[in-house]
Structures are given as structure tokens and as C-alpha cells.
Amino acid sequence: MFSQKTLWGSLIALVLLTGTSGVAFAEMPAHSSEQTSQFQHIEQPLGLKVGVAIAGLALIGLELWWFLLYKIRDS
């Protein structure tokens, strides 16, 4: 079904995509015993917002190309 090379490549890609070694996790501030049900607003830089939007649109475009146009080109 899958070749061993394809399987290993997929596993390596999955590990690289889900790796968290370079990600810094934010810590929750220490409060007293009471919990608040409201979310805190975190301001994101404009460049990060634009980058995430462009990356998302690029991935959507890539998926559309793959599922709609790639098979037509081979025929």
C-alpha cells in the first residue's frame, strides 16, 4: 500500500510539524483561589497576524490545486 520511504517521510514530517522545541509556552499568572471566567486579551503583532493569514491562504490554495487541478494535468 505505502512504500517504506513514503511512510518514513510522513512520520518525519509529522514529528517536525508537531515539535514544540522552539515554542515558548506562556504561564498562567498566579491568582488567589478564585477563578475568573473571562478571557484575557493578548495583543498580537500585526506582522504575525498577516503572516498567519497568508500562510493559511497559501495552504488552502495548495489543497485546492492538489485536489482539483493536479489529477487533471496528469490525464
PDB file of N, CA and C in Angstrom:
ATOM      1  N   MET A   1       0.836  -1.187   0.000  1.00  0.00           N
ATOM      2  CA  MET A   1       0.000   0.000   0.000  1.00  0.00           C
ATOM      3  C   MET A   1       0.883   1.253   0.000  1.00  0.00           C
ATOM      4  N   PHE A   2       1.659   1.473   1.049  1.00  0.00           N
ATOM      5  CA  PHE A   2       2.591   2.588   1.119  1.00  0.00           C
ATOM      6  C   PHE A   2       4.003   2.026   1.074  1.00  0.00           C
ATOM      7  N   SER A   3       4.862   2.704   0.413  1.00  0.00           N
ATOM      8  CA  SER A   3       6.252   2.270   0.432  1.00  0.00           C
ATOM      9  C   SER A   3       6.880   2.684   1.760  1.00  0.00           C
ATOM     10  N   GLN A   4       7.959   2.034   2.101  1.00  0.00           N
ATOM     11  CA  GLN A   4       8.616   2.337   3.366  1.00  0.00           C
ATOM     12  C   GLN A   4       9.172   3.761   3.361  1.00  0.00           C
ATOM     13  N   LYS A   5       9.634   4.211   2.209  1.00  0.00           N
ATOM     14  CA  LYS A   5      10.168   5.570   2.104  1.00  0.00           C
ATOM     15  C   LYS A   5       9.068   6.610   2.348  1.00  0.00           C
ATOM     16  N   THR A   6       7.886   6.370   1.794  1.00  0.00           N
ATOM     17  CA  THR A   6       6.764   7.295   1.991  1.00  0.00           C
ATOM     18  C   THR A   6       6.324   7.309   3.447  1.00  0.00           C
ATOM     19  N   LEU A   7       6.283   6.147   4.055  1.00  0.00           N
ATOM     20  CA  LEU A   7       5.877   6.058   5.454  1.00  0.00           C
ATOM     21  C   LEU A   7       6.847   6.803   6.364  1.00  0.00           C
ATOM     22  N   TRP A   8       8.158   6.585   6.174  1.00  0.00           N
ATOM     23  CA  TRP A   8       9.147   7.282   6.989  1.00  0.00           C
ATOM     24  C   TRP A   8       9.103   8.791   6.754  1.00  0.00           C
ATOM     25  N   GLY A   9       8.934   9.193   5.503  1.00  0.00           N
ATOM     26  CA  GLY A   9       8.843  10.621   5.209  1.00  0.00           C
ATOM     27  C   GLY A   9       7.650  11.264   5.883  1.00  0.00           C
ATOM     28  N   SER A  10       6.521  10.571   5.879  1.00  0.00           N
ATOM     29  CA  SER A  10       5.321  11.098   6.534  1.00  0.00           C
ATOM     30  C   SER A  10       5.513  11.196   8.041  1.00  0.00           C
ATOM     31  N   LEU A  11       6.132  10.189   8.627  1.00  0.00           N
ATOM     32  CA  LEU A  11       6.366  10.223  10.072  1.00  0.00           C
ATOM     33  C   LEU A  11       7.326  11.343  10.464  1.00  0.00           C
ATOM     34  N   ILE A  12       8.363  11.543   9.694  1.00  0.00           N
ATOM     35  CA  ILE A  12       9.314  12.617   9.983  1.00  0.00           C
ATOM     36  C   ILE A  12       8.644  13.977   9.842  1.00  0.00           C
ATOM     37  N   ALA A  13       7.829  14.138   8.803  1.00  0.00           N
ATOM     38  CA  ALA A  13       7.109  15.398   8.613  1.00  0.00           C
ATOM     39  C   ALA A  13       6.159  15.660   9.772  1.00  0.00           C
ATOM     40  N   LEU A  14       5.488  14.624  10.244  1.00  0.00           N
ATOM     41  CA  LEU A  14       4.567  14.777  11.371  1.00  0.00           C
ATOM     42  C   LEU A  14       5.304  15.193  12.635  1.00  0.00           C
ATOM     43  N   VAL A  15       6.461  14.593  12.872  1.00  0.00           N
ATOM     44  CA  VAL A  15       7.256  14.966  14.049  1.00  0.00           C
ATOM     45  C   VAL A  15       7.728  16.407  13.940  1.00  0.00           C
ATOM     46  N   LEU A  16       8.177  16.812  12.758  1.00  0.00           N
ATOM     47  CA  LEU A  16       8.655  18.189  12.586  1.00  0.00           C
ATOM     48  C   LEU A  16       7.529  19.201  12.735  1.00  0.00           C
ATOM     49  N   LEU A  17       6.332  18.859  12.247  1.00  0.00           N
ATOM     50  CA  LEU A  17       5.220  19.791  12.351  1.00  0.00           C
ATOM     51  C   LEU A  17       4.678  19.908  13.760  1.00  0.00           C
ATOM     52  N   THR A  18       4.749  18.840  14.527  1.00  0.00           N
ATOM     53  CA  THR A  18       4.187  18.874  15.875  1.00  0.00           C
ATOM     54  C   THR A  18       5.232  19.133  16.946  1.00  0.00           C
ATOM     55  N   GLY A  19       6.492  19.277  16.556  1.00  0.00           N
ATOM     56  CA  GLY A  19       7.545  19.533  17.543  1.00  0.00           C
ATOM     57  C   GLY A  19       7.350  20.870  18.224  1.00  0.00           C
ATOM     58  N   THR A  20       7.638  20.921  19.509  1.00  0.00           N
ATOM     59  CA  THR A  20       7.436  22.149  20.277  1.00  0.00           C
ATOM     60  C   THR A  20       8.728  22.643  20.900  1.00  0.00           C
ATOM     61  N   SER A  21       9.880  22.217  20.359  1.00  0.00           N
ATOM     62  CA  SER A  21      11.132  22.602  20.991  1.00  0.00           C
ATOM     63  C   SER A  21      11.390  24.107  20.900  1.00  0.00           C
ATOM     64  N   GLY A  22      10.946  24.775  19.844  1.00  0.00           N
ATOM     65  CA  GLY A  22      11.196  26.196  19.688  1.00  0.00           C
ATOM     66  C   GLY A  22      10.065  27.078  20.181  1.00  0.00           C
ATOM     67  N   VAL A  23       9.028  26.484  20.741  1.00  0.00           N
ATOM     68  CA  VAL A  23       7.859  27.244  21.168  1.00  0.00           C
ATOM     69  C   VAL A  23       7.961  27.537  22.654  1.00  0.00           C
ATOM     70  N   ALA A  24       7.804  28.789  23.004  1.00  0.00           N
ATOM     71  CA  ALA A  24       7.799  29.180  24.417  1.00  0.00           C
ATOM     72  C   ALA A  24       6.356  29.225  24.898  1.00  0.00           C
ATOM     73  N   PHE A  25       6.064  28.465  25.921  1.00  0.00           N
ATOM     74  CA  PHE A  25       4.711  28.426  26.445  1.00  0.00           C
ATOM     75  C   PHE A  25       4.512  29.547  27.458  1.00  0.00           C
ATOM     76  N   ALA A  26       3.339  30.166  27.404  1.00  0.00           N
ATOM     77  CA  ALA A  26       3.014  31.230  28.355  1.00  0.00           C
ATOM     78  C   ALA A  26       2.528  30.604  29.650  1.00  0.00           C
ATOM     79  N   GLU A  27       2.924  31.177  30.739  1.00  0.00           N
ATOM     80  CA  GLU A  27       2.491  30.673  32.030  1.00  0.00           C
ATOM     81  C   GLU A  27       1.280  31.460  32.495  1.00  0.00           C
ATOM     82  N   MET A  28       0.401  30.773  33.179  1.00  0.00           N
ATOM     83  CA  MET A  28      -0.767  31.430  33.744  1.00  0.00           C
ATOM     84  C   MET A  28      -0.328  32.254  34.953  1.00  0.00           C
ATOM     85  N   PRO A  29      -0.835  33.468  35.062  1.00  0.00           N
ATOM     86  CA  PRO A  29      -0.470  34.268  36.234  1.00  0.00           C
ATOM     87  C   PRO A  29      -1.047  33.635  37.504  1.00  0.00           C
ATOM     88  N   ALA A  30      -0.297  33.778  38.595  1.00  0.00           N
ATOM     89  CA  ALA A  30      -0.744  33.208  39.865  1.00  0.00           C
ATOM     90  C   ALA A  30      -1.806  34.119  40.475  1.00  0.00           C
ATOM     91  N   HIS A  31      -3.006  33.591  40.639  1.00  0.00           N
ATOM     92  CA  HIS A  31      -4.104  34.330  41.272  1.00  0.00           C
ATOM     93  C   HIS A  31      -4.409  33.682  42.607  1.00  0.00           C
ATOM     94  N   SER A  32      -5.282  34.329  43.322  1.00  0.00           N
ATOM     95  CA  SER A  32      -5.756  33.699  44.540  1.00  0.00           C
ATOM     96  C   SER A  32      -6.642  32.512  44.143  1.00  0.00           C
ATOM     97  N   SER A  33      -7.293  31.897  45.077  1.00  0.00           N
ATOM     98  CA  SER A  33      -8.035  30.669  44.800  1.00  0.00           C
ATOM     99  C   SER A  33      -9.250  30.893  43.897  1.00  0.00           C
ATOM    100  N   GLU A  34      -9.669  32.132  43.707  1.00  0.00           N
ATOM    101  CA  GLU A  34     -10.849  32.366  42.865  1.00  0.00           C
ATOM    102  C   GLU A  34     -10.471  32.308  41.385  1.00  0.00           C
ATOM    103  N   GLN A  35     -11.319  31.721  40.587  1.00  0.00           N
ATOM    104  CA  GLN A  35     -11.119  31.590  39.146  1.00  0.00           C
ATOM    105  C   GLN A  35     -12.030  32.592  38.442  1.00  0.00           C
ATOM    106  N   THR A  36     -11.520  33.222  37.392  1.00  0.00           N
ATOM    107  CA  THR A  36     -12.358  34.121  36.608  1.00  0.00           C
ATOM    108  C   THR A  36     -12.775  33.395  35.346  1.00  0.00           C
ATOM    109  N   SER A  37     -13.964  33.679  34.870  1.00  0.00           N
ATOM    110  CA  SER A  37     -14.466  33.008  33.675  1.00  0.00           C
ATOM    111  C   SER A  37     -14.263  33.871  32.434  1.00  0.00           C
ATOM    112  N   GLN A  38     -13.549  34.967  32.568  1.00  0.00           N
ATOM    113  CA  GLN A  38     -13.317  35.840  31.429  1.00  0.00           C
ATOM    114  C   GLN A  38     -11.945  35.566  30.831  1.00  0.00           C
ATOM    115  N   PHE A  39     -11.858  35.764  29.517  1.00  0.00           N
ATOM    116  CA  PHE A  39     -10.587  35.599  28.827  1.00  0.00           C
ATOM    117  C   PHE A  39      -9.784  36.888  28.919  1.00  0.00           C
ATOM    118  N   GLN A  40      -8.479  36.730  28.927  1.00  0.00           N
ATOM    119  CA  GLN A  40      -7.611  37.899  28.920  1.00  0.00           C
ATOM    120  C   GLN A  40      -7.245  38.222  27.473  1.00  0.00           C
ATOM    121  N   HIS A  41      -7.225  39.499  27.147  1.00  0.00           N
ATOM    122  CA  HIS A  41      -6.870  39.934  25.795  1.00  0.00           C
ATOM    123  C   HIS A  41      -5.354  39.935  25.651  1.00  0.00           C
ATOM    124  N   ILE A  42      -4.880  39.251  24.619  1.00  0.00           N
ATOM    125  CA  ILE A  42      -3.440  39.229  24.322  1.00  0.00           C
ATOM    126  C   ILE A  42      -3.248  39.888  22.970  1.00  0.00           C
ATOM    127  N   GLU A  43      -2.524  40.969  22.935  1.00  0.00           N
ATOM    128  CA  GLU A  43      -2.293  41.697  21.683  1.00  0.00           C
ATOM    129  C   GLU A  43      -1.240  40.978  20.856  1.00  0.00           C
ATOM    130  N   GLN A  44      -1.581  40.686  19.616  1.00  0.00           N
ATOM    131  CA  GLN A  44      -0.661  40.022  18.699  1.00  0.00           C
ATOM    132  C   GLN A  44      -0.090  41.063  17.737  1.00  0.00           C
ATOM    133  N   PRO A  45       1.182  40.955  17.380  1.00  0.00           N
ATOM    134  CA  PRO A  45       1.766  41.891  16.415  1.00  0.00           C
ATOM    135  C   PRO A  45       1.087  41.758  15.051  1.00  0.00           C
ATOM    136  N   LEU A  46       0.994  42.883  14.353  1.00  0.00           N
ATOM    137  CA  LEU A  46       0.334  42.898  13.055  1.00  0.00           C
ATOM    138  C   LEU A  46       1.049  41.977  12.067  1.00  0.00           C
ATOM    139  N   GLY A  47       2.374  41.938  12.093  1.00  0.00           N
ATOM    140  CA  GLY A  47       3.126  41.073  11.188  1.00  0.00           C
ATOM    141  C   GLY A  47       2.782  39.601  11.391  1.00  0.00           C
ATOM    142  N   LEU A  48       2.582  39.205  12.638  1.00  0.00           N
ATOM    143  CA  LEU A  48       2.209  37.823  12.925  1.00  0.00           C
ATOM    144  C   LEU A  48       0.817  37.513  12.381  1.00  0.00           C
ATOM    145  N   LYS A  49      -0.117  38.433  12.552  1.00  0.00           N
ATOM    146  CA  LYS A  49      -1.473  38.240  12.036  1.00  0.00           C
ATOM    147  C   LYS A  49      -1.465  38.097  10.516  1.00  0.00           C
ATOM    148  N   VAL A  50      -0.713  38.968   9.848  1.00  0.00           N
ATOM    149  CA  VAL A  50      -0.637  38.923   8.384  1.00  0.00           C
ATOM    150  C   VAL A  50       0.052  37.638   7.934  1.00  0.00           C
ATOM    151  N   GLY A  51       1.112  37.248   8.605  1.00  0.00           N
ATOM    152  CA  GLY A  51       1.825  36.026   8.246  1.00  0.00           C
ATOM    153  C   GLY A  51       0.960  34.788   8.384  1.00  0.00           C
ATOM    154  N   VAL A  52       0.208  34.699   9.455  1.00  0.00           N
ATOM    155  CA  VAL A  52      -0.676  33.549   9.658  1.00  0.00           C
ATOM    156  C   VAL A  52      -1.776  33.538   8.608  1.00  0.00           C
ATOM    157  N   ALA A  53      -2.329  34.706   8.282  1.00  0.00           N
ATOM    158  CA  ALA A  53      -3.375  34.770   7.260  1.00  0.00           C
ATOM    159  C   ALA A  53      -2.830  34.355   5.894  1.00  0.00           C
ATOM    160  N   ILE A  54      -1.648  34.836   5.528  1.00  0.00           N
ATOM    161  CA  ILE A  54      -1.049  34.475   4.236  1.00  0.00           C
ATOM    162  C   ILE A  54      -0.728  32.982   4.184  1.00  0.00           C
ATOM    163  N   ALA A  55      -0.181  32.443   5.276  1.00  0.00           N
ATOM    164  CA  ALA A  55       0.123  31.011   5.314  1.00  0.00           C
ATOM    165  C   ALA A  55      -1.150  30.175   5.187  1.00  0.00           C
ATOM    166  N   GLY A  56      -2.203  30.590   5.844  1.00  0.00           N
ATOM    167  CA  GLY A  56      -3.477  29.870   5.742  1.00  0.00           C
ATOM    168  C   GLY A  56      -4.035  29.897   4.339  1.00  0.00           C
ATOM    169  N   LEU A  57      -4.002  31.063   3.707  1.00  0.00           N
ATOM    170  CA  LEU A  57      -4.484  31.158   2.326  1.00  0.00           C
ATOM    171  C   LEU A  57      -3.617  30.346   1.372  1.00  0.00           C
ATOM    172  N   ALA A  58      -2.315  30.321   1.609  1.00  0.00           N
ATOM    173  CA  ALA A  58      -1.427  29.530   0.766  1.00  0.00           C
ATOM    174  C   ALA A  58      -1.738  28.038   0.906  1.00  0.00           C
ATOM    175  N   LEU A  59      -1.995  27.587   2.122  1.00  0.00           N
ATOM    176  CA  LEU A  59      -2.336  26.179   2.323  1.00  0.00           C
ATOM    177  C   LEU A  59      -3.678  25.829   1.689  1.00  0.00           C
ATOM    178  N   ILE A  60      -4.647  26.716   1.785  1.00  0.00           N
ATOM    179  CA  ILE A  60      -5.943  26.475   1.139  1.00  0.00           C
ATOM    180  C   ILE A  60      -5.768  26.402  -0.368  1.00  0.00           C
ATOM    181  N   GLY A  61      -4.976  27.319  -0.928  1.00  0.00           N
ATOM    182  CA  GLY A  61      -4.716  27.295  -2.366  1.00  0.00           C
ATOM    183  C   GLY A  61      -3.996  26.029  -2.794  1.00  0.00           C
ATOM    184  N   LEU A  62      -3.035  25.586  -2.001  1.00  0.00           N
ATOM    185  CA  LEU A  62      -2.312  24.352  -2.306  1.00  0.00           C
ATOM    186  C   LEU A  62      -3.241  23.143  -2.279  1.00  0.00           C
ATOM    187  N   GLU A  63      -4.126  23.083  -1.316  1.00  0.00           N
ATOM    188  CA  GLU A  63      -5.079  21.982  -1.238  1.00  0.00           C
ATOM    189  C   GLU A  63      -6.031  21.994  -2.427  1.00  0.00           C
ATOM    190  N   LEU A  64      -6.516  23.161  -2.800  1.00  0.00           N
ATOM    191  CA  LEU A  64      -7.401  23.245  -3.968  1.00  0.00           C
ATOM    192  C   LEU A  64      -6.680  22.805  -5.231  1.00  0.00           C
ATOM    193  N   TRP A  65      -5.435  23.237  -5.381  1.00  0.00           N
ATOM    194  CA  TRP A  65      -4.664  22.819  -6.552  1.00  0.00           C
ATOM    195  C   TRP A  65      -4.477  21.302  -6.550  1.00  0.00           C
ATOM    196  N   TRP A  66      -4.137  20.752  -5.401  1.00  0.00           N
ATOM    197  CA  TRP A  66      -3.866  19.324  -5.328  1.00  0.00           C
ATOM    198  C   TRP A  66      -5.113  18.504  -5.659  1.00  0.00           C
ATOM    199  N   PHE A  67      -6.243  18.840  -5.052  1.00  0.00           N
ATOM    200  CA  PHE A  67      -7.437  18.024  -5.212  1.00  0.00           C
ATOM    201  C   PHE A  67      -8.182  18.291  -6.506  1.00  0.00           C
ATOM    202  N   LEU A  68      -8.077  19.493  -7.054  1.00  0.00           N
ATOM    203  CA  LEU A  68      -8.849  19.815  -8.250  1.00  0.00           C
ATOM    204  C   LEU A  68      -8.034  19.811  -9.535  1.00  0.00           C
ATOM    205  N   LEU A  69      -6.809  20.300  -9.496  1.00  0.00           N
ATOM    206  CA  LEU A  69      -6.073  20.512 -10.731  1.00  0.00           C
ATOM    207  C   LEU A  69      -4.945  19.516 -10.971  1.00  0.00           C
ATOM    208  N   TYR A  70      -4.400  18.916  -9.941  1.00  0.00           N
ATOM    209  CA  TYR A  70      -3.235  18.054 -10.117  1.00  0.00           C
ATOM    210  C   TYR A  70      -3.587  16.804 -10.935  1.00  0.00           C
ATOM    211  N   LYS A  71      -4.735  16.199 -10.675  1.00  0.00           N
ATOM    212  CA  LYS A  71      -5.133  14.986 -11.397  1.00  0.00           C
ATOM    213  C   LYS A  71      -5.493  15.294 -12.846  1.00  0.00           C
ATOM    214  N   ILE A  72      -6.001  16.467 -13.131  1.00  0.00           N
ATOM    215  CA  ILE A  72      -6.364  16.853 -14.497  1.00  0.00           C
ATOM    216  C   ILE A  72      -5.109  16.979 -15.343  1.00  0.00           C
ATOM    217  N   ARG A  73      -4.043  17.515 -14.781  1.00  0.00           N
ATOM    218  CA  ARG A  73      -2.803  17.722 -15.505  1.00  0.00           C
ATOM    219  C   ARG A  73      -2.168  16.404 -15.919  1.00  0.00           C
ATOM    220  N   ASP A  74      -2.308  15.352 -15.091  1.00  0.00           N
ATOM    221  CA  ASP A  74      -1.709  14.058 -15.399  1.00  0.00           C
ATOM    222  C   ASP A  74      -2.453  13.319 -16.505  1.00  0.00           C
ATOM    223  N   SER A  75      -3.706  13.605 -16.699  1.00  0.00           N
ATOM    224  CA  SER A  75      -4.520  12.879 -17.684  1.00  0.00           C
ATOM    225  C   SER A  75      -4.158  13.223 -19.105  1.00  0.00           C
TER     226      SER A  75
END
